[in-house]
Amino acid sequence: MSQKPPVTQAIRMLRAHHVAWTDHLYAYEEKGGTRVSARELGVDEHAVIKTLIMHDEQKRPLVVLMHGDCEVSTKNLARQLAVKSIEPCPPAIADKHSGYQVGGTSPFGTRQAMPVYMEASIAELPRIYLNGGKRGYLIGVDPADVVRVLQPTLVNVAVAG
């Protein structure tokens, strides 16, 4: 695609923290998920990271970063966070918390500050692809920069997708 990458809140935050990234625009497909973006970018779906907005039983929002080819064990996450339950936010609520549209949610530059939980094995990858804040727009970054900027709590809650 020859269109210019957007300047989103995520990009502004990366610039402010002096993070190097690469832009990857692709044809977004509704309900295509990481399978489509990985195919379009020609990368392993395991390196495409989903940004999920979830909440606990008190409706306190949180961000979970997970491999594209895995699911989150909400039971294990709730246990690790010492809360009763964790569940995905409905799309309209997720949009409100993050300031992004579901399918274009970035963990960087969210409207509301939320705790971030990242599957520990993501930090071991050489390069990851996260949403840049718009549908059809991923950014390639070093996971060490994600850890430095977002300071996520590392968790082990992945289950095969």
Protein backbone atom coordinates (compact mmCIF):
# COMPACT_ATOMS: atom_id res chain seq x y z
CA MET A 1 0.00 0.00 0.00
CA SER A 2 1.36 3.40 -0.87
CA GLN A 3 -0.64 5.46 1.58
CA LYS A 4 1.14 7.41 4.28
CA PRO A 5 1.23 5.89 7.80
CA PRO A 6 -1.12 7.66 10.21
CA VAL A 7 0.11 9.71 13.15
CA THR A 8 -1.89 8.26 16.04
CA GLN A 9 -1.61 8.72 19.80
CA ALA A 10 0.47 5.52 19.78
CA ILE A 11 2.97 7.03 17.33
CA ARG A 12 3.16 10.24 19.37
CA MET A 13 3.96 8.18 22.47
CA LEU A 14 6.65 6.16 20.64
CA ARG A 15 8.26 9.40 19.44
CA ALA A 16 8.18 10.86 22.95
CA HIS A 17 9.97 7.77 24.29
CA HIS A 18 12.49 7.63 21.39
CA VAL A 19 11.36 4.20 20.22
CA ALA A 20 12.40 3.00 16.76
CA TRP A 21 9.62 1.29 14.81
CA THR A 22 8.68 0.24 11.30
CA ASP A 23 5.32 1.00 9.68
CA HIS A 24 3.24 -1.81 8.17
CA LEU A 25 -0.02 -0.88 6.45
CA TYR A 26 -2.28 -3.64 5.14
CA ALA A 27 -5.82 -4.20 3.89
CA TYR A 28 -7.87 -4.60 7.07
CA GLU A 29 -10.50 -7.35 7.06
CA GLU A 30 -13.38 -7.24 9.53
CA LYS A 31 -13.05 -10.19 11.95
CA GLY A 32 -9.80 -11.22 10.22
CA GLY A 33 -7.67 -10.77 13.34
CA THR A 34 -4.00 -11.55 13.57
CA ARG A 35 -4.25 -14.35 11.00
CA VAL A 36 -4.98 -11.79 8.27
CA SER A 37 -2.42 -9.23 9.43
CA ALA A 38 0.31 -11.90 9.72
CA ARG A 39 -0.51 -13.16 6.23
CA GLU A 40 -0.53 -9.63 4.78
CA LEU A 41 2.82 -8.77 6.42
CA GLY A 42 4.38 -12.16 5.67
CA VAL A 43 5.31 -12.77 9.31
CA ASP A 44 4.63 -15.54 11.84
CA GLU A 45 1.29 -15.01 13.60
CA HIS A 46 3.06 -15.76 16.90
CA ALA A 47 4.97 -12.44 16.50
CA VAL A 48 1.78 -10.44 15.82
CA ILE A 49 0.64 -9.30 19.24
CA LYS A 50 -3.02 -8.70 20.13
CA THR A 51 -3.90 -5.77 22.39
CA LEU A 52 -6.91 -6.85 24.44
CA ILE A 53 -8.91 -4.59 26.75
CA MET A 54 -10.38 -6.59 29.60
CA HIS A 55 -11.80 -5.88 33.02
CA ASP A 56 -12.18 -7.57 36.37
CA GLU A 57 -15.37 -8.17 38.32
CA GLN A 58 -15.16 -4.58 39.65
CA LYS A 59 -15.11 -3.37 35.99
CA ARG A 60 -11.53 -2.09 36.45
CA PRO A 61 -9.97 -2.08 32.95
CA LEU A 62 -6.62 -3.57 32.02
CA VAL A 63 -4.60 -4.27 28.89
CA VAL A 64 -3.40 -7.76 27.96
CA LEU A 65 -0.78 -8.31 25.26
CA MET A 66 -0.97 -11.81 23.79
CA HIS A 67 0.55 -13.73 20.88
CA GLY A 68 -1.77 -13.67 17.85
CA ASP A 69 -1.96 -17.47 17.69
CA CYS A 70 -2.85 -17.85 21.39
CA GLU A 71 -5.79 -17.09 23.65
CA VAL A 72 -5.79 -15.67 27.18
CA SER A 73 -6.72 -18.00 30.01
CA THR A 74 -8.86 -15.50 31.92
CA LYS A 75 -9.05 -17.93 34.86
CA ASN A 76 -5.25 -18.07 35.14
CA LEU A 77 -4.98 -14.30 34.71
CA ALA A 78 -7.58 -13.69 37.43
CA ARG A 79 -5.68 -16.08 39.71
CA GLN A 80 -2.37 -14.29 39.04
CA LEU A 81 -4.00 -10.90 39.72
CA ALA A 82 -5.80 -12.16 42.83
CA VAL A 83 -9.23 -11.11 41.54
CA LYS A 84 -12.44 -13.13 41.15
CA SER A 85 -12.73 -12.91 37.38
CA ILE A 86 -11.40 -11.29 34.22
CA GLU A 87 -13.35 -10.96 30.99
CA PRO A 88 -13.01 -9.07 27.72
CA CYS A 89 -14.70 -5.67 27.69
CA PRO A 90 -17.58 -5.26 25.25
CA PRO A 91 -16.27 -3.41 22.15
CA ALA A 92 -17.96 -0.08 22.98
CA ILE A 93 -16.50 -0.12 26.51
CA ALA A 94 -13.06 -1.17 25.22
CA ASP A 95 -13.14 1.73 22.73
CA LYS A 96 -14.06 4.14 25.53
CA HIS A 97 -11.18 3.00 27.78
CA SER A 98 -8.53 2.87 25.06
CA GLY A 99 -9.56 5.75 22.80
CA TYR A 100 -9.10 3.39 19.85
CA GLN A 101 -11.53 1.39 17.77
CA VAL A 102 -11.53 -2.39 18.39
CA GLY A 103 -9.40 -3.89 15.60
CA GLY A 104 -7.12 -0.86 15.84
CA THR A 105 -6.30 -0.85 19.56
CA SER A 106 -2.71 -0.04 20.46
CA PRO A 107 -1.26 -0.50 23.94
CA PHE A 108 0.55 2.82 23.46
CA GLY A 109 -1.18 6.16 24.03
CA THR A 110 -4.43 4.84 25.48
CA ARG A 111 -7.00 7.43 26.54
CA GLN A 112 -7.09 6.02 30.06
CA ALA A 113 -4.00 4.77 31.91
CA MET A 114 -4.49 1.07 32.58
CA PRO A 115 -2.23 -1.65 33.98
CA VAL A 116 -0.60 -3.68 31.21
CA TYR A 117 -0.06 -7.45 31.41
CA MET A 118 2.11 -9.11 28.78
CA GLU A 119 2.57 -12.80 28.08
CA ALA A 120 6.17 -13.35 29.26
CA SER A 121 7.32 -15.19 26.11
CA ILE A 122 6.61 -12.08 23.99
CA ALA A 123 9.68 -10.45 25.55
CA GLU A 124 11.85 -13.27 24.16
CA LEU A 125 10.97 -12.64 20.50
CA PRO A 126 13.45 -10.73 18.31
CA ARG A 127 10.74 -8.44 16.86
CA ILE A 128 7.01 -8.07 17.38
CA TYR A 129 4.17 -6.42 15.48
CA LEU A 130 1.58 -4.45 17.44
CA ASN A 131 -1.29 -2.28 16.39
CA GLY A 132 -0.26 1.29 15.67
CA GLY A 133 -3.62 2.75 16.66
CA LYS A 134 -5.66 2.29 13.49
CA ARG A 135 -7.25 -0.66 11.71
CA GLY A 136 -4.92 -1.94 9.01
CA TYR A 137 -1.80 -0.46 10.62
CA LEU A 138 0.79 -2.45 12.55
CA ILE A 139 4.15 -1.29 13.84
CA GLY A 140 7.22 -3.48 14.15
CA VAL A 141 9.16 -2.93 17.38
CA ASP A 142 11.76 -4.54 19.62
CA PRO A 143 9.94 -6.14 22.58
CA ALA A 144 12.53 -4.57 24.91
CA ASP A 145 11.14 -1.14 23.93
CA VAL A 146 7.61 -2.31 24.76
CA VAL A 147 8.80 -3.42 28.19
CA ARG A 148 10.72 -0.16 28.72
CA VAL A 149 7.83 2.13 27.74
CA LEU A 150 4.77 0.24 29.03
CA GLN A 151 6.42 -1.47 32.03
CA PRO A 152 4.02 -4.42 31.79
CA THR A 153 3.64 -7.12 34.39
CA LEU A 154 4.82 -10.34 32.75
CA VAL A 155 2.34 -13.21 33.07
CA ASN A 156 2.00 -16.80 31.87
CA VAL A 157 -1.62 -17.09 30.75
CA ALA A 158 -1.39 -18.23 27.11
CA VAL A 159 -3.37 -21.18 25.84
CA ALA A 160 -3.25 -22.54 22.29
CA GLY A 161 -5.61 -20.61 20.01
